[in-house]
Amino acid sequence: MRLETAMKMLQAKIQAGIAKDKTFSNTLRFSDASAKHSKLPHFQEGKDNLDIWLTRFERFAESNNWSRDKWSSSLCALLTGRALDCYGRLSSEQAQDYDKVKQALVKRYDLAEDGYRRKFWSCNSAEGESPDMFIVRIVTYLDRWIELSRTEKSYEKL
């Protein structure tokens, strides 16, 4: 009788240990999968500049060799506020295409051609911003304005 009870207790402990190991293993797998996203902060409206935040997202995705067809689903997990609302209003097909998601976000945050034109013309050096940083920022506004207007980058066309 004691032997039988001891065997049952041993089996119960073994089963509990196996279950615990499976839970631990699943947690590790989940953590590994979400670790890619945990290194990127969520987009915070009012604090983050969407254009710069998207550039960081794209550079991070490229440096981690993410498949481009996964970018949209990775991006949506990091959106909040109006950006998430914008994403939620896309069709299922559009929401799976990173370029269409980005285009919708850019339009929603007035980062289209006209928005960059206004930013370029109203740009002033920010407090604590070095001249080099200011030049990079204003050139970025100009480049995005030209790119979005589909104007050829030549002296005559500009």
N, C-alpha and C. Protein backbone atom coordinates (compact mmCIF):
# COMPACT_ATOMS: atom_id res chain seq x y z
N MET A 1 0.81 -1.18 0.00
CA MET A 1 0.00 0.00 0.00
C MET A 1 0.87 1.26 0.00
N ARG A 2 1.91 1.29 0.85
CA ARG A 2 2.80 2.44 0.89
C ARG A 2 3.54 2.61 -0.43
N LEU A 3 3.95 1.54 -1.00
CA LEU A 3 4.66 1.57 -2.28
C LEU A 3 3.76 2.15 -3.37
N GLU A 4 2.52 1.72 -3.36
CA GLU A 4 1.55 2.20 -4.34
C GLU A 4 1.33 3.71 -4.18
N THR A 5 1.19 4.17 -2.97
CA THR A 5 0.98 5.59 -2.68
C THR A 5 2.22 6.39 -3.09
N ALA A 6 3.39 5.86 -2.78
CA ALA A 6 4.64 6.53 -3.14
C ALA A 6 4.77 6.63 -4.66
N MET A 7 4.38 5.58 -5.38
CA MET A 7 4.44 5.58 -6.84
C MET A 7 3.51 6.64 -7.42
N LYS A 8 2.29 6.73 -6.86
CA LYS A 8 1.32 7.71 -7.34
C LYS A 8 1.82 9.14 -7.10
N MET A 9 2.43 9.35 -5.93
CA MET A 9 2.96 10.67 -5.61
C MET A 9 4.10 11.04 -6.55
N LEU A 10 4.96 10.07 -6.84
CA LEU A 10 6.08 10.28 -7.74
C LEU A 10 5.58 10.61 -9.15
N GLN A 11 4.57 9.86 -9.62
CA GLN A 11 4.00 10.12 -10.94
C GLN A 11 3.38 11.52 -11.00
N ALA A 12 2.69 11.91 -9.93
CA ALA A 12 2.08 13.23 -9.88
C ALA A 12 3.14 14.33 -9.94
N LYS A 13 4.26 14.13 -9.22
CA LYS A 13 5.34 15.11 -9.25
C LYS A 13 5.97 15.20 -10.63
N ILE A 14 6.15 14.03 -11.25
CA ILE A 14 6.72 14.01 -12.60
C ILE A 14 5.81 14.75 -13.58
N GLN A 15 4.51 14.45 -13.50
CA GLN A 15 3.54 15.12 -14.39
C GLN A 15 3.54 16.63 -14.15
N ALA A 16 3.59 17.02 -12.88
CA ALA A 16 3.62 18.45 -12.55
C ALA A 16 4.88 19.10 -13.09
N GLY A 17 6.01 18.40 -13.00
CA GLY A 17 7.27 18.91 -13.53
C GLY A 17 7.24 19.06 -15.03
N ILE A 18 6.65 18.09 -15.73
CA ILE A 18 6.54 18.15 -17.19
C ILE A 18 5.65 19.33 -17.59
N ALA A 19 4.53 19.48 -16.91
CA ALA A 19 3.62 20.58 -17.21
C ALA A 19 4.31 21.93 -16.97
N LYS A 20 5.08 22.01 -15.89
CA LYS A 20 5.79 23.24 -15.57
C LYS A 20 6.82 23.55 -16.65
N ASP A 21 7.55 22.52 -17.11
CA ASP A 21 8.54 22.70 -18.16
C ASP A 21 7.89 23.17 -19.45
N LYS A 22 6.73 22.61 -19.79
CA LYS A 22 6.03 23.02 -21.01
C LYS A 22 5.62 24.49 -20.92
N THR A 23 5.11 24.89 -19.78
CA THR A 23 4.70 26.28 -19.59
C THR A 23 5.91 27.18 -19.72
N PHE A 24 7.02 26.80 -19.09
CA PHE A 24 8.24 27.58 -19.16
C PHE A 24 8.73 27.67 -20.60
N SER A 25 8.71 26.55 -21.30
CA SER A 25 9.14 26.51 -22.69
C SER A 25 8.27 27.40 -23.57
N ASN A 26 6.94 27.34 -23.39
CA ASN A 26 6.04 28.19 -24.16
C ASN A 26 6.27 29.66 -23.86
N THR A 27 6.54 29.97 -22.61
CA THR A 27 6.81 31.36 -22.23
C THR A 27 8.06 31.85 -22.93
N LEU A 28 9.08 31.02 -22.98
CA LEU A 28 10.31 31.42 -23.66
C LEU A 28 10.06 31.66 -25.13
N ARG A 29 9.34 30.76 -25.77
CA ARG A 29 9.06 30.93 -27.19
C ARG A 29 8.28 32.22 -27.43
N PHE A 30 7.29 32.48 -26.59
CA PHE A 30 6.50 33.70 -26.73
C PHE A 30 7.39 34.92 -26.51
N SER A 31 8.24 34.86 -25.49
CA SER A 31 9.12 35.98 -25.20
C SER A 31 10.07 36.24 -26.35
N ASP A 32 10.61 35.16 -26.94
CA ASP A 32 11.52 35.32 -28.06
C ASP A 32 10.81 35.98 -29.23
N ALA A 33 9.58 35.57 -29.49
CA ALA A 33 8.83 36.12 -30.62
C ALA A 33 8.49 37.58 -30.38
N SER A 34 8.15 37.92 -29.16
CA SER A 34 7.75 39.30 -28.88
C SER A 34 8.96 40.19 -28.58
N ALA A 35 10.12 39.59 -28.40
CA ALA A 35 11.32 40.38 -28.10
C ALA A 35 11.64 41.35 -29.22
N LYS A 36 11.35 40.94 -30.46
CA LYS A 36 11.61 41.83 -31.59
C LYS A 36 10.83 43.13 -31.44
N HIS A 37 9.59 43.02 -30.98
CA HIS A 37 8.75 44.20 -30.86
C HIS A 37 9.05 44.97 -29.59
N SER A 38 9.49 44.28 -28.55
CA SER A 38 9.70 44.97 -27.28
C SER A 38 10.84 45.97 -27.36
N LYS A 39 11.72 45.83 -28.33
CA LYS A 39 12.82 46.77 -28.48
C LYS A 39 12.37 48.06 -29.14
N LEU A 40 11.23 48.03 -29.79
CA LEU A 40 10.69 49.22 -30.42
C LEU A 40 9.59 49.80 -29.53
N PRO A 41 9.67 51.08 -29.24
CA PRO A 41 8.60 51.67 -28.43
C PRO A 41 7.34 51.88 -29.25
N HIS A 42 6.20 51.90 -28.58
CA HIS A 42 4.94 52.19 -29.24
C HIS A 42 4.95 53.64 -29.73
N PHE A 43 4.24 53.89 -30.82
CA PHE A 43 4.09 55.26 -31.30
C PHE A 43 3.21 56.01 -30.32
N GLN A 44 3.71 57.14 -29.83
CA GLN A 44 2.96 57.94 -28.86
C GLN A 44 2.61 59.28 -29.49
N GLU A 45 1.34 59.42 -29.79
CA GLU A 45 0.84 60.64 -30.40
C GLU A 45 1.12 61.83 -29.49
N GLY A 46 1.55 62.93 -30.08
CA GLY A 46 1.85 64.12 -29.29
C GLY A 46 3.29 64.15 -28.80
N LYS A 47 3.90 63.00 -28.72
CA LYS A 47 5.29 62.92 -28.27
C LYS A 47 6.20 62.57 -29.44
N ASP A 48 5.77 61.60 -30.26
CA ASP A 48 6.59 61.14 -31.38
C ASP A 48 6.20 61.83 -32.68
N ASN A 49 7.20 62.06 -33.51
CA ASN A 49 6.97 62.54 -34.87
C ASN A 49 6.77 61.28 -35.72
N LEU A 50 5.61 61.14 -36.34
CA LEU A 50 5.28 59.91 -37.07
C LEU A 50 6.30 59.60 -38.16
N ASP A 51 6.73 60.60 -38.90
CA ASP A 51 7.67 60.36 -39.99
C ASP A 51 8.98 59.79 -39.48
N ILE A 52 9.50 60.35 -38.43
CA ILE A 52 10.75 59.86 -37.84
C ILE A 52 10.54 58.48 -37.22
N TRP A 53 9.40 58.30 -36.56
CA TRP A 53 9.09 57.02 -35.94
C TRP A 53 8.99 55.91 -36.99
N LEU A 54 8.35 56.20 -38.13
CA LEU A 54 8.25 55.21 -39.21
C LEU A 54 9.62 54.89 -39.80
N THR A 55 10.47 55.91 -39.92
CA THR A 55 11.83 55.69 -40.42
C THR A 55 12.58 54.75 -39.48
N ARG A 56 12.44 54.97 -38.18
CA ARG A 56 13.09 54.10 -37.20
C ARG A 56 12.54 52.68 -37.31
N PHE A 57 11.22 52.55 -37.44
CA PHE A 57 10.59 51.24 -37.59
C PHE A 57 11.16 50.51 -38.81
N GLU A 58 11.25 51.21 -39.95
CA GLU A 58 11.75 50.60 -41.18
C GLU A 58 13.21 50.18 -41.05
N ARG A 59 14.02 51.03 -40.45
CA ARG A 59 15.43 50.70 -40.26
C ARG A 59 15.59 49.50 -39.33
N PHE A 60 14.79 49.46 -38.28
CA PHE A 60 14.83 48.34 -37.34
C PHE A 60 14.42 47.05 -38.04
N ALA A 61 13.35 47.12 -38.83
CA ALA A 61 12.86 45.94 -39.55
C ALA A 61 13.91 45.44 -40.54
N GLU A 62 14.53 46.36 -41.25
CA GLU A 62 15.57 45.97 -42.22
C GLU A 62 16.79 45.38 -41.52
N SER A 63 17.22 46.00 -40.43
CA SER A 63 18.41 45.51 -39.74
C SER A 63 18.18 44.15 -39.08
N ASN A 64 16.92 43.82 -38.80
CA ASN A 64 16.59 42.51 -38.22
C ASN A 64 16.11 41.52 -39.26
N ASN A 65 16.27 41.89 -40.52
CA ASN A 65 15.92 41.02 -41.66
C ASN A 65 14.48 40.51 -41.61
N TRP A 66 13.55 41.39 -41.22
CA TRP A 66 12.15 41.00 -41.24
C TRP A 66 11.67 40.91 -42.67
N SER A 67 10.86 39.94 -42.95
CA SER A 67 10.23 39.83 -44.26
C SER A 67 9.28 41.01 -44.42
N ARG A 68 9.36 41.70 -45.54
CA ARG A 68 8.54 42.91 -45.74
C ARG A 68 7.04 42.62 -45.63
N ASP A 69 6.62 41.41 -45.96
CA ASP A 69 5.19 41.10 -45.87
C ASP A 69 4.72 40.99 -44.41
N LYS A 70 5.65 41.00 -43.45
CA LYS A 70 5.30 40.96 -42.03
C LYS A 70 5.35 42.35 -41.38
N TRP A 71 5.83 43.34 -42.11
CA TRP A 71 5.99 44.67 -41.55
C TRP A 71 4.67 45.26 -41.06
N SER A 72 3.62 45.08 -41.83
CA SER A 72 2.34 45.68 -41.48
C SER A 72 1.81 45.14 -40.16
N SER A 73 1.87 43.83 -39.99
CA SER A 73 1.37 43.24 -38.73
C SER A 73 2.26 43.64 -37.56
N SER A 74 3.56 43.78 -37.80
CA SER A 74 4.46 44.22 -36.74
C SER A 74 4.20 45.68 -36.39
N LEU A 75 3.93 46.48 -37.41
CA LEU A 75 3.65 47.90 -37.20
C LEU A 75 2.38 48.11 -36.40
N CYS A 76 1.32 47.40 -36.75
CA CYS A 76 0.03 47.64 -36.09
C CYS A 76 0.09 47.34 -34.60
N ALA A 77 0.97 46.44 -34.19
CA ALA A 77 1.10 46.12 -32.77
C ALA A 77 1.71 47.28 -31.98
N LEU A 78 2.31 48.23 -32.69
CA LEU A 78 3.00 49.34 -32.03
C LEU A 78 2.25 50.67 -32.15
N LEU A 79 1.11 50.66 -32.84
CA LEU A 79 0.34 51.89 -33.03
C LEU A 79 -0.62 52.14 -31.88
N THR A 80 -0.87 53.40 -31.60
CA THR A 80 -1.84 53.80 -30.57
C THR A 80 -2.61 55.02 -31.09
N GLY A 81 -3.68 55.36 -30.42
CA GLY A 81 -4.42 56.58 -30.70
C GLY A 81 -4.96 56.68 -32.12
N ARG A 82 -4.80 57.88 -32.71
CA ARG A 82 -5.30 58.12 -34.07
C ARG A 82 -4.64 57.21 -35.09
N ALA A 83 -3.38 56.86 -34.86
CA ALA A 83 -2.67 55.99 -35.79
C ALA A 83 -3.31 54.61 -35.82
N LEU A 84 -3.65 54.08 -34.66
CA LEU A 84 -4.31 52.78 -34.59
C LEU A 84 -5.71 52.87 -35.18
N ASP A 85 -6.39 53.97 -34.94
CA ASP A 85 -7.72 54.20 -35.51
C ASP A 85 -7.64 54.21 -37.04
N CYS A 86 -6.64 54.87 -37.57
CA CYS A 86 -6.43 54.93 -39.02
C CYS A 86 -6.20 53.53 -39.57
N TYR A 87 -5.36 52.76 -38.91
CA TYR A 87 -5.09 51.39 -39.32
C TYR A 87 -6.37 50.55 -39.30
N GLY A 88 -7.16 50.73 -38.25
CA GLY A 88 -8.39 49.96 -38.09
C GLY A 88 -9.44 50.25 -39.15
N ARG A 89 -9.34 51.39 -39.80
CA ARG A 89 -10.32 51.77 -40.83
C ARG A 89 -9.93 51.30 -42.22
N LEU A 90 -8.78 50.68 -42.34
CA LEU A 90 -8.36 50.13 -43.63
C LEU A 90 -9.05 48.80 -43.87
N SER A 91 -9.21 48.46 -45.14
CA SER A 91 -9.75 47.14 -45.46
C SER A 91 -8.73 46.09 -45.04
N SER A 92 -9.16 44.87 -44.92
CA SER A 92 -8.27 43.78 -44.52
C SER A 92 -7.10 43.66 -45.50
N GLU A 93 -7.40 43.81 -46.77
CA GLU A 93 -6.36 43.70 -47.80
C GLU A 93 -5.35 44.85 -47.68
N GLN A 94 -5.85 46.06 -47.49
CA GLN A 94 -4.96 47.22 -47.35
C GLN A 94 -4.12 47.11 -46.08
N ALA A 95 -4.72 46.62 -45.01
CA ALA A 95 -4.03 46.53 -43.72
C ALA A 95 -2.86 45.55 -43.76
N GLN A 96 -2.83 44.66 -44.73
CA GLN A 96 -1.74 43.70 -44.85
C GLN A 96 -0.60 44.21 -45.73
N ASP A 97 -0.80 45.35 -46.37
CA ASP A 97 0.20 45.94 -47.26
C ASP A 97 0.86 47.12 -46.54
N TYR A 98 2.13 46.96 -46.17
CA TYR A 98 2.81 48.00 -45.40
C TYR A 98 2.79 49.34 -46.10
N ASP A 99 3.02 49.36 -47.40
CA ASP A 99 3.06 50.63 -48.13
C ASP A 99 1.71 51.35 -48.08
N LYS A 100 0.63 50.60 -48.14
CA LYS A 100 -0.71 51.21 -48.06
C LYS A 100 -1.00 51.71 -46.65
N VAL A 101 -0.54 50.97 -45.66
CA VAL A 101 -0.71 51.40 -44.27
C VAL A 101 0.08 52.69 -44.05
N LYS A 102 1.31 52.71 -44.51
CA LYS A 102 2.15 53.90 -44.35
C LYS A 102 1.53 55.09 -45.07
N GLN A 103 1.04 54.86 -46.27
CA GLN A 103 0.41 55.94 -47.04
C GLN A 103 -0.80 56.51 -46.29
N ALA A 104 -1.61 55.65 -45.71
CA ALA A 104 -2.78 56.10 -44.96
C ALA A 104 -2.36 56.89 -43.72
N LEU A 105 -1.32 56.43 -43.03
CA LEU A 105 -0.84 57.13 -41.84
C LEU A 105 -0.26 58.50 -42.21
N VAL A 106 0.50 58.54 -43.28
CA VAL A 106 1.10 59.79 -43.74
C VAL A 106 0.00 60.80 -44.07
N LYS A 107 -1.03 60.33 -44.74
CA LYS A 107 -2.15 61.22 -45.08
C LYS A 107 -2.88 61.68 -43.82
N ARG A 108 -3.11 60.77 -42.89
CA ARG A 108 -3.83 61.08 -41.65
C ARG A 108 -3.11 62.13 -40.82
N TYR A 109 -1.78 62.09 -40.83
CA TYR A 109 -0.98 63.02 -40.04
C TYR A 109 -0.47 64.21 -40.86
N ASP A 110 -1.09 64.42 -42.01
CA ASP A 110 -0.76 65.55 -42.87
C ASP A 110 0.73 65.59 -43.22
N LEU A 111 1.26 64.43 -43.52
CA LEU A 111 2.66 64.35 -43.92
C LEU A 111 2.77 64.13 -45.42
N ALA A 112 1.73 64.53 -46.14
CA ALA A 112 1.73 64.42 -47.59
C ALA A 112 2.47 65.63 -48.17
N GLU A 113 2.43 65.75 -49.46
CA GLU A 113 3.17 66.81 -50.16
C GLU A 113 2.93 68.19 -49.54
N ASP A 114 1.68 68.56 -49.36
CA ASP A 114 1.34 69.88 -48.85
C ASP A 114 1.85 70.08 -47.41
N GLY A 115 1.78 69.03 -46.61
CA GLY A 115 2.27 69.11 -45.24
C GLY A 115 3.77 69.36 -45.18
N TYR A 116 4.51 68.68 -46.04
CA TYR A 116 5.96 68.88 -46.06
C TYR A 116 6.33 70.25 -46.64
N ARG A 117 5.54 70.73 -47.59
CA ARG A 117 5.78 72.07 -48.13
C ARG A 117 5.63 73.10 -47.01
N ARG A 118 4.57 72.98 -46.22
CA ARG A 118 4.36 73.90 -45.09
C ARG A 118 5.48 73.78 -44.06
N LYS A 119 5.89 72.54 -43.77
CA LYS A 119 6.98 72.34 -42.80
C LYS A 119 8.27 72.98 -43.30
N PHE A 120 8.55 72.81 -44.60
CA PHE A 120 9.77 73.36 -45.17
C PHE A 120 9.79 74.89 -45.03
N TRP A 121 8.70 75.54 -45.41
CA TRP A 121 8.66 77.00 -45.40
C TRP A 121 8.55 77.59 -44.00
N SER A 122 8.02 76.86 -43.05
CA SER A 122 7.87 77.41 -41.69
C SER A 122 8.93 76.90 -40.72
N CYS A 123 9.91 76.18 -41.23
CA CYS A 123 10.92 75.54 -40.39
C CYS A 123 11.86 76.57 -39.76
N ASN A 124 12.05 76.44 -38.47
CA ASN A 124 13.02 77.23 -37.71
C ASN A 124 13.88 76.28 -36.89
N SER A 125 15.06 76.75 -36.57
CA SER A 125 15.95 75.94 -35.74
C SER A 125 15.34 75.76 -34.35
N ALA A 126 15.34 74.53 -33.89
CA ALA A 126 14.79 74.23 -32.56
C ALA A 126 15.83 74.52 -31.49
N GLU A 127 15.37 74.77 -30.28
CA GLU A 127 16.27 75.04 -29.17
C GLU A 127 17.19 73.84 -28.95
N GLY A 128 18.49 74.10 -28.90
CA GLY A 128 19.45 73.03 -28.66
C GLY A 128 19.82 72.26 -29.92
N GLU A 129 19.25 72.63 -31.05
CA GLU A 129 19.53 71.93 -32.31
C GLU A 129 20.77 72.55 -32.95
N SER A 130 21.73 71.71 -33.31
CA SER A 130 22.94 72.21 -33.95
C SER A 130 22.62 72.62 -35.39
N PRO A 131 23.45 73.48 -35.99
CA PRO A 131 23.22 73.86 -37.39
C PRO A 131 23.19 72.64 -38.32
N ASP A 132 24.06 71.67 -38.07
CA ASP A 132 24.07 70.46 -38.90
C ASP A 132 22.74 69.71 -38.80
N MET A 133 22.23 69.59 -37.59
CA MET A 133 20.96 68.88 -37.40
C MET A 133 19.81 69.64 -38.07
N PHE A 134 19.83 70.97 -37.97
CA PHE A 134 18.80 71.79 -38.61
C PHE A 134 18.84 71.60 -40.12
N ILE A 135 20.03 71.60 -40.69
CA ILE A 135 20.18 71.42 -42.14
C ILE A 135 19.63 70.06 -42.56
N VAL A 136 19.97 69.02 -41.81
CA VAL A 136 19.46 67.68 -42.14
C VAL A 136 17.93 67.67 -42.09
N ARG A 137 17.37 68.32 -41.08
CA ARG A 137 15.91 68.33 -40.94
C ARG A 137 15.24 69.08 -42.09
N ILE A 138 15.75 70.25 -42.44
CA ILE A 138 15.12 71.04 -43.49
C ILE A 138 15.31 70.37 -44.86
N VAL A 139 16.46 69.74 -45.07
CA VAL A 139 16.69 69.00 -46.32
C VAL A 139 15.76 67.80 -46.40
N THR A 140 15.51 67.15 -45.27
CA THR A 140 14.57 66.03 -45.24
C THR A 140 13.18 66.50 -45.63
N TYR A 141 12.75 67.65 -45.11
CA TYR A 141 11.44 68.20 -45.48
C TYR A 141 11.38 68.46 -46.98
N LEU A 142 12.44 69.07 -47.51
CA LEU A 142 12.48 69.37 -48.94
C LEU A 142 12.46 68.09 -49.77
N ASP A 143 13.28 67.12 -49.40
CA ASP A 143 13.33 65.84 -50.13
C ASP A 143 11.98 65.14 -50.13
N ARG A 144 11.33 65.10 -48.97
CA ARG A 144 10.01 64.45 -48.88
C ARG A 144 8.97 65.21 -49.71
N TRP A 145 9.03 66.54 -49.69
CA TRP A 145 8.12 67.37 -50.47
C TRP A 145 8.30 67.06 -51.96
N ILE A 146 9.54 67.03 -52.42
CA ILE A 146 9.82 66.74 -53.84
C ILE A 146 9.39 65.33 -54.19
N GLU A 147 9.73 64.38 -53.33
CA GLU A 147 9.38 62.97 -53.58
C GLU A 147 7.87 62.78 -53.68
N LEU A 148 7.14 63.37 -52.75
CA LEU A 148 5.69 63.20 -52.73
C LEU A 148 4.98 63.97 -53.85
N SER A 149 5.62 65.03 -54.34
CA SER A 149 5.02 65.78 -55.45
C SER A 149 5.36 65.15 -56.80
N ARG A 150 6.20 64.12 -56.76
CA ARG A 150 6.62 63.41 -57.96
C ARG A 150 7.29 64.35 -58.97
N THR A 151 8.04 65.29 -58.43
CA THR A 151 8.78 66.24 -59.25
C THR A 151 10.19 65.71 -59.43
N GLU A 152 10.69 65.86 -60.64
CA GLU A 152 12.06 65.43 -60.92
C GLU A 152 13.03 66.32 -60.15
N LYS A 153 14.06 65.70 -59.58
CA LYS A 153 15.04 66.45 -58.80
C LYS A 153 16.08 67.07 -59.73
N SER A 154 15.71 68.16 -60.35
CA SER A 154 16.64 68.91 -61.18
C SER A 154 16.39 70.39 -60.97
N TYR A 155 17.36 71.19 -61.26
CA TYR A 155 17.23 72.64 -61.05
C TYR A 155 16.06 73.21 -61.85
N GLU A 156 15.95 72.79 -63.12
CA GLU A 156 14.89 73.31 -63.99
C GLU A 156 13.50 72.93 -63.48
N LYS A 157 13.32 71.70 -63.06
CA LYS A 157 12.01 71.21 -62.63
C LYS A 157 11.59 71.82 -61.29
N LEU A 158 12.58 72.07 -60.43
CA LEU A 158 12.26 72.65 -59.13
C LEU A 158 11.90 74.10 -59.28
